PDB file of all heavy atoms in Angstrom:
ATOM      1  N   GLU A   1      17.980  -3.581  16.373  1.00  0.00           N
ATOM      2  CA  GLU A   1      19.040  -4.416  17.016  1.00  0.00           C
ATOM      3  C   GLU A   1      19.087  -5.713  16.236  1.00  0.00           C
ATOM      4  O   GLU A   1      18.105  -6.479  16.167  1.00  0.00           O
ATOM      5  CB  GLU A   1      18.673  -4.656  18.491  1.00  0.00           C
ATOM      6  CG  GLU A   1      19.747  -5.382  19.261  1.00  0.00           C
ATOM      7  CD  GLU A   1      19.389  -5.602  20.691  1.00  0.00           C
ATOM      8  OE1 GLU A   1      18.530  -4.851  21.282  1.00  0.00           O
ATOM      9  OE2 GLU A   1      19.914  -6.573  21.277  1.00  0.00           O
ATOM     10  N   GLY A   2      20.231  -5.994  15.659  1.00  0.00           N
ATOM     11  CA  GLY A   2      20.353  -7.194  14.812  1.00  0.00           C
ATOM     12  C   GLY A   2      20.219  -8.479  15.594  1.00  0.00           C
ATOM     13  O   GLY A   2      20.552  -8.557  16.756  1.00  0.00           O
ATOM     14  N   VAL A   3      19.663  -9.494  14.946  1.00  0.00           N
ATOM     15  CA  VAL A   3      19.532 -10.825  15.540  1.00  0.00           C
ATOM     16  C   VAL A   3      20.265 -11.826  14.632  1.00  0.00           C
ATOM     17  O   VAL A   3      20.613 -11.538  13.498  1.00  0.00           O
ATOM     18  CB  VAL A   3      18.048 -11.253  15.720  1.00  0.00           C
ATOM     19  CG1 VAL A   3      17.340 -10.309  16.702  1.00  0.00           C
ATOM     20  CG2 VAL A   3      17.302 -11.273  14.366  1.00  0.00           C
ATOM     21  N   ASP A   4      20.495 -13.034  15.173  1.00  0.00           N
ATOM     22  CA  ASP A   4      21.277 -14.066  14.435  1.00  0.00           C
ATOM     23  C   ASP A   4      20.488 -14.616  13.265  1.00  0.00           C
ATOM     24  O   ASP A   4      21.031 -14.914  12.189  1.00  0.00           O
ATOM     25  CB  ASP A   4      21.651 -15.219  15.348  1.00  0.00           C
ATOM     26  CG  ASP A   4      22.658 -14.803  16.402  1.00  0.00           C
ATOM     27  OD1 ASP A   4      23.375 -13.790  16.147  1.00  0.00           O
ATOM     28  OD2 ASP A   4      22.752 -15.445  17.463  1.00  0.00           O
ATOM     29  N   ALA A   5      19.167 -14.750  13.416  1.00  0.00           N
ATOM     30  CA  ALA A   5      18.345 -15.327  12.351  1.00  0.00           C
ATOM     31  C   ALA A   5      16.905 -14.879  12.521  1.00  0.00           C
ATOM     32  O   ALA A   5      16.451 -14.619  13.617  1.00  0.00           O
ATOM     33  CB  ALA A   5      18.431 -16.860  12.322  1.00  0.00           C
ATOM     34  N   LEU A   6      16.168 -14.875  11.419  1.00  0.00           N
ATOM     35  CA  LEU A   6      14.722 -14.575  11.449  1.00  0.00           C
ATOM     36  C   LEU A   6      13.982 -15.866  11.092  1.00  0.00           C
ATOM     37  O   LEU A   6      14.508 -16.768  10.432  1.00  0.00           O
ATOM     38  CB  LEU A   6      14.370 -13.509  10.454  1.00  0.00           C
ATOM     39  CG  LEU A   6      14.932 -12.076  10.726  1.00  0.00           C
ATOM     40  CD1 LEU A   6      14.519 -11.097   9.656  1.00  0.00           C
ATOM     41  CD2 LEU A   6      14.495 -11.571  12.101  1.00  0.00           C
ATOM     42  N   HIS A   7      12.709 -15.943  11.527  1.00  0.00           N
ATOM     43  CA  HIS A   7      11.863 -17.125  11.221  1.00  0.00           C
ATOM     44  C   HIS A   7      10.684 -16.736  10.357  1.00  0.00           C
ATOM     45  O   HIS A   7      10.478 -15.551  10.027  1.00  0.00           O
ATOM     46  CB  HIS A   7      11.413 -17.811  12.499  1.00  0.00           C
ATOM     47  CG  HIS A   7      10.787 -16.883  13.492  1.00  0.00           C
ATOM     48  ND1 HIS A   7       9.496 -16.369  13.354  1.00  0.00           N
ATOM     49  CD2 HIS A   7      11.247 -16.321  14.658  1.00  0.00           C
ATOM     50  CE1 HIS A   7       9.223 -15.572  14.313  1.00  0.00           C
ATOM     51  NE2 HIS A   7      10.240 -15.520  15.174  1.00  0.00           N
ATOM     52  N   GLY A   8       9.925 -17.703   9.937  1.00  0.00           N
ATOM     53  CA  GLY A   8       8.760 -17.432   9.102  1.00  0.00           C
ATOM     54  C   GLY A   8       7.653 -16.730   9.850  1.00  0.00           C
ATOM     55  O   GLY A   8       7.700 -16.570  11.081  1.00  0.00           O
ATOM     56  N   CYS A   9       6.611 -16.279   9.129  1.00  0.00           N
ATOM     57  CA  CYS A   9       5.522 -15.624   9.779  1.00  0.00           C
ATOM     58  C   CYS A   9       4.303 -15.643   8.832  1.00  0.00           C
ATOM     59  O   CYS A   9       4.404 -16.028   7.655  1.00  0.00           O
ATOM     60  CB  CYS A   9       5.827 -14.152  10.162  1.00  0.00           C
ATOM     61  SG  CYS A   9       5.844 -13.036   8.720  1.00  0.00           S
ATOM     62  N   ASP A  10       3.176 -15.207   9.403  1.00  0.00           N
ATOM     63  CA  ASP A  10       1.913 -15.066   8.640  1.00  0.00           C
ATOM     64  C   ASP A  10       1.487 -13.620   8.856  1.00  0.00           C
ATOM     65  O   ASP A  10       1.290 -13.152   9.948  1.00  0.00           O
ATOM     66  CB  ASP A  10       0.872 -16.018   9.225  1.00  0.00           C
ATOM     67  CG  ASP A  10      -0.403 -16.071   8.385  1.00  0.00           C
ATOM     68  OD1 ASP A  10      -0.919 -15.009   7.994  1.00  0.00           O
ATOM     69  OD2 ASP A  10      -0.947 -17.208   8.142  1.00  0.00           O
ATOM     70  N   HIS A  11       1.365 -12.865   7.729  1.00  0.00           N
ATOM     71  CA  HIS A  11       1.146 -11.426   7.837  1.00  0.00           C
ATOM     72  C   HIS A  11       0.102 -10.950   6.836  1.00  0.00           C
ATOM     73  O   HIS A  11       0.057 -11.436   5.686  1.00  0.00           O
ATOM     74  CB  HIS A  11       2.494 -10.681   7.607  1.00  0.00           C
ATOM     75  CG  HIS A  11       2.372  -9.199   7.718  1.00  0.00           C
ATOM     76  ND1 HIS A  11       2.206  -8.540   8.936  1.00  0.00           N
ATOM     77  CD2 HIS A  11       2.418  -8.194   6.773  1.00  0.00           C
ATOM     78  CE1 HIS A  11       2.126  -7.232   8.733  1.00  0.00           C
ATOM     79  NE2 HIS A  11       2.262  -7.003   7.396  1.00  0.00           N
ATOM     80  N   GLN A  12      -0.733 -10.011   7.277  1.00  0.00           N
ATOM     81  CA  GLN A  12      -1.752  -9.418   6.402  1.00  0.00           C
ATOM     82  C   GLN A  12      -1.240  -8.068   5.917  1.00  0.00           C
ATOM     83  O   GLN A  12      -0.912  -7.186   6.716  1.00  0.00           O
ATOM     84  CB  GLN A  12      -3.081  -9.276   7.111  1.00  0.00           C
ATOM     85  CG  GLN A  12      -4.101  -8.446   6.299  1.00  0.00           C
ATOM     86  CD  GLN A  12      -5.456  -9.078   6.256  1.00  0.00           C
ATOM     87  OE1 GLN A  12      -5.575 -10.310   6.333  1.00  0.00           O
ATOM     88  NE2 GLN A  12      -6.485  -8.299   5.993  1.00  0.00           N
ATOM     89  N   VAL A  13      -1.195  -7.859   4.604  1.00  0.00           N
ATOM     90  CA  VAL A  13      -0.737  -6.598   4.014  1.00  0.00           C
ATOM     91  C   VAL A  13      -1.712  -5.491   4.333  1.00  0.00           C
ATOM     92  O   VAL A  13      -2.926  -5.649   4.179  1.00  0.00           O
ATOM     93  CB  VAL A  13      -0.527  -6.723   2.498  1.00  0.00           C
ATOM     94  CG1 VAL A  13      -0.039  -5.411   1.899  1.00  0.00           C
ATOM     95  CG2 VAL A  13       0.420  -7.852   2.179  1.00  0.00           C
ATOM     96  N   VAL A  14      -1.209  -4.335   4.729  1.00  0.00           N
ATOM     97  CA  VAL A  14      -2.070  -3.184   5.060  1.00  0.00           C
ATOM     98  C   VAL A  14      -2.847  -2.711   3.790  1.00  0.00           C
ATOM     99  O   VAL A  14      -2.378  -2.873   2.677  1.00  0.00           O
ATOM    100  CB  VAL A  14      -1.208  -2.047   5.629  1.00  0.00           C
ATOM    101  CG1 VAL A  14      -0.314  -1.391   4.579  1.00  0.00           C
ATOM    102  CG2 VAL A  14      -2.038  -0.974   6.312  1.00  0.00           C
ATOM    103  N   ALA A  15      -4.031  -2.144   4.014  1.00  0.00           N
ATOM    104  CA  ALA A  15      -4.833  -1.661   2.861  1.00  0.00           C
ATOM    105  C   ALA A  15      -4.147  -0.505   2.160  1.00  0.00           C
ATOM    106  O   ALA A  15      -3.414   0.279   2.746  1.00  0.00           O
ATOM    107  CB  ALA A  15      -6.202  -1.226   3.387  1.00  0.00           C
ATOM    108  N   ASP A  16      -4.419  -0.410   0.859  1.00  0.00           N
ATOM    109  CA  ASP A  16      -3.747   0.547   0.019  1.00  0.00           C
ATOM    110  C   ASP A  16      -4.368   1.945   0.192  1.00  0.00           C
ATOM    111  O   ASP A  16      -5.471   2.207  -0.281  1.00  0.00           O
ATOM    112  CB  ASP A  16      -3.887   0.111  -1.471  1.00  0.00           C
ATOM    113  CG  ASP A  16      -3.007   0.919  -2.420  1.00  0.00           C
ATOM    114  OD1 ASP A  16      -2.818   2.122  -2.131  1.00  0.00           O
ATOM    115  OD2 ASP A  16      -2.504   0.364  -3.368  1.00  0.00           O
ATOM    116  N   ARG A  17      -3.648   2.836   0.832  1.00  0.00           N
ATOM    117  CA  ARG A  17      -4.165   4.160   1.117  1.00  0.00           C
ATOM    118  C   ARG A  17      -4.380   4.982  -0.184  1.00  0.00           C
ATOM    119  O   ARG A  17      -5.254   5.839  -0.267  1.00  0.00           O
ATOM    120  CB  ARG A  17      -3.298   4.942   2.113  1.00  0.00           C
ATOM    121  CG  ARG A  17      -1.905   5.212   1.617  1.00  0.00           C
ATOM    122  CD  ARG A  17      -0.987   5.639   2.760  1.00  0.00           C
ATOM    123  NE  ARG A  17       0.408   5.616   2.346  1.00  0.00           N
ATOM    124  CZ  ARG A  17       1.083   6.647   1.897  1.00  0.00           C
ATOM    125  NH1 ARG A  17       0.532   7.857   1.864  1.00  0.00           N
ATOM    126  NH2 ARG A  17       2.348   6.549   1.537  1.00  0.00           N
ATOM    127  N   ILE A  18      -3.556   4.713  -1.231  1.00  0.00           N
ATOM    128  CA  ILE A  18      -3.659   5.480  -2.455  1.00  0.00           C
ATOM    129  C   ILE A  18      -4.914   5.002  -3.244  1.00  0.00           C
ATOM    130  O   ILE A  18      -5.625   5.806  -3.827  1.00  0.00           O
ATOM    131  CB  ILE A  18      -2.388   5.399  -3.294  1.00  0.00           C
ATOM    132  CG1 ILE A  18      -1.159   5.846  -2.452  1.00  0.00           C
ATOM    133  CG2 ILE A  18      -2.494   6.229  -4.554  1.00  0.00           C
ATOM    134  CD1 ILE A  18      -1.303   7.295  -1.924  1.00  0.00           C
ATOM    135  N   GLU A  19      -5.130   3.703  -3.253  1.00  0.00           N
ATOM    136  CA  GLU A  19      -6.387   3.203  -3.887  1.00  0.00           C
ATOM    137  C   GLU A  19      -7.597   3.785  -3.139  1.00  0.00           C
ATOM    138  O   GLU A  19      -8.551   4.258  -3.771  1.00  0.00           O
ATOM    139  CB  GLU A  19      -6.447   1.645  -3.841  1.00  0.00           C
ATOM    140  CG  GLU A  19      -7.664   1.144  -4.594  1.00  0.00           C
ATOM    141  CD  GLU A  19      -7.940  -0.348  -4.436  1.00  0.00           C
ATOM    142  OE1 GLU A  19      -7.634  -0.908  -3.399  1.00  0.00           O
ATOM    143  OE2 GLU A  19      -8.500  -0.960  -5.352  1.00  0.00           O
ATOM    144  N   ALA A  20      -7.532   3.789  -1.802  1.00  0.00           N
ATOM    145  CA  ALA A  20      -8.649   4.364  -1.009  1.00  0.00           C
ATOM    146  C   ALA A  20      -8.811   5.833  -1.359  1.00  0.00           C
ATOM    147  O   ALA A  20      -9.927   6.296  -1.605  1.00  0.00           O
ATOM    148  CB  ALA A  20      -8.370   4.182   0.467  1.00  0.00           C
ATOM    149  N   GLY A  21      -7.703   6.590  -1.420  1.00  0.00           N
ATOM    150  CA  GLY A  21      -7.752   7.997  -1.731  1.00  0.00           C
ATOM    151  C   GLY A  21      -8.322   8.261  -3.136  1.00  0.00           C
ATOM    152  O   GLY A  21      -9.055   9.220  -3.335  1.00  0.00           O
ATOM    153  N   THR A  22      -7.972   7.365  -4.063  1.00  0.00           N
ATOM    154  CA  THR A  22      -8.515   7.502  -5.463  1.00  0.00           C
ATOM    155  C   THR A  22     -10.018   7.350  -5.472  1.00  0.00           C
ATOM    156  O   THR A  22     -10.730   8.100  -6.138  1.00  0.00           O
ATOM    157  CB  THR A  22      -7.822   6.450  -6.373  1.00  0.00           C
ATOM    158  OG1 THR A  22      -6.386   6.658  -6.358  1.00  0.00           O
ATOM    159  CG2 THR A  22      -8.328   6.554  -7.798  1.00  0.00           C
ATOM    160  N   PHE A  23     -10.547   6.376  -4.720  1.00  0.00           N
ATOM    161  CA  PHE A  23     -12.002   6.203  -4.639  1.00  0.00           C
ATOM    162  C   PHE A  23     -12.663   7.354  -3.922  1.00  0.00           C
ATOM    163  O   PHE A  23     -13.765   7.770  -4.285  1.00  0.00           O
ATOM    164  CB  PHE A  23     -12.363   4.852  -3.985  1.00  0.00           C
ATOM    165  CG  PHE A  23     -12.355   3.703  -4.946  1.00  0.00           C
ATOM    166  CD1 PHE A  23     -11.229   2.865  -5.030  1.00  0.00           C
ATOM    167  CD2 PHE A  23     -13.414   3.457  -5.772  1.00  0.00           C
ATOM    168  CE1 PHE A  23     -11.211   1.794  -5.947  1.00  0.00           C
ATOM    169  CE2 PHE A  23     -13.408   2.403  -6.694  1.00  0.00           C
ATOM    170  CZ  PHE A  23     -12.301   1.565  -6.769  1.00  0.00           C
ATOM    171  N   LEU A  24     -12.013   7.907  -2.910  1.00  0.00           N
ATOM    172  CA  LEU A  24     -12.567   9.073  -2.220  1.00  0.00           C
ATOM    173  C   LEU A  24     -12.725  10.235  -3.199  1.00  0.00           C
ATOM    174  O   LEU A  24     -13.779  10.910  -3.245  1.00  0.00           O
ATOM    175  CB  LEU A  24     -11.646   9.508  -1.058  1.00  0.00           C
ATOM    176  CG  LEU A  24     -11.561   8.629   0.166  1.00  0.00           C
ATOM    177  CD1 LEU A  24     -10.541   9.219   1.153  1.00  0.00           C
ATOM    178  CD2 LEU A  24     -12.880   8.432   0.869  1.00  0.00           C
TER     179      LEU A  24
END
C-alpha cells in the first residue's frame, strides 16, 4: 500500500546464505 513519503532507518543486512553454503 503506497505511502506519501518514506523516512530514514537503521538496518542490518541479512547474512549471505550463498557464502554460508560455500563454506558448508
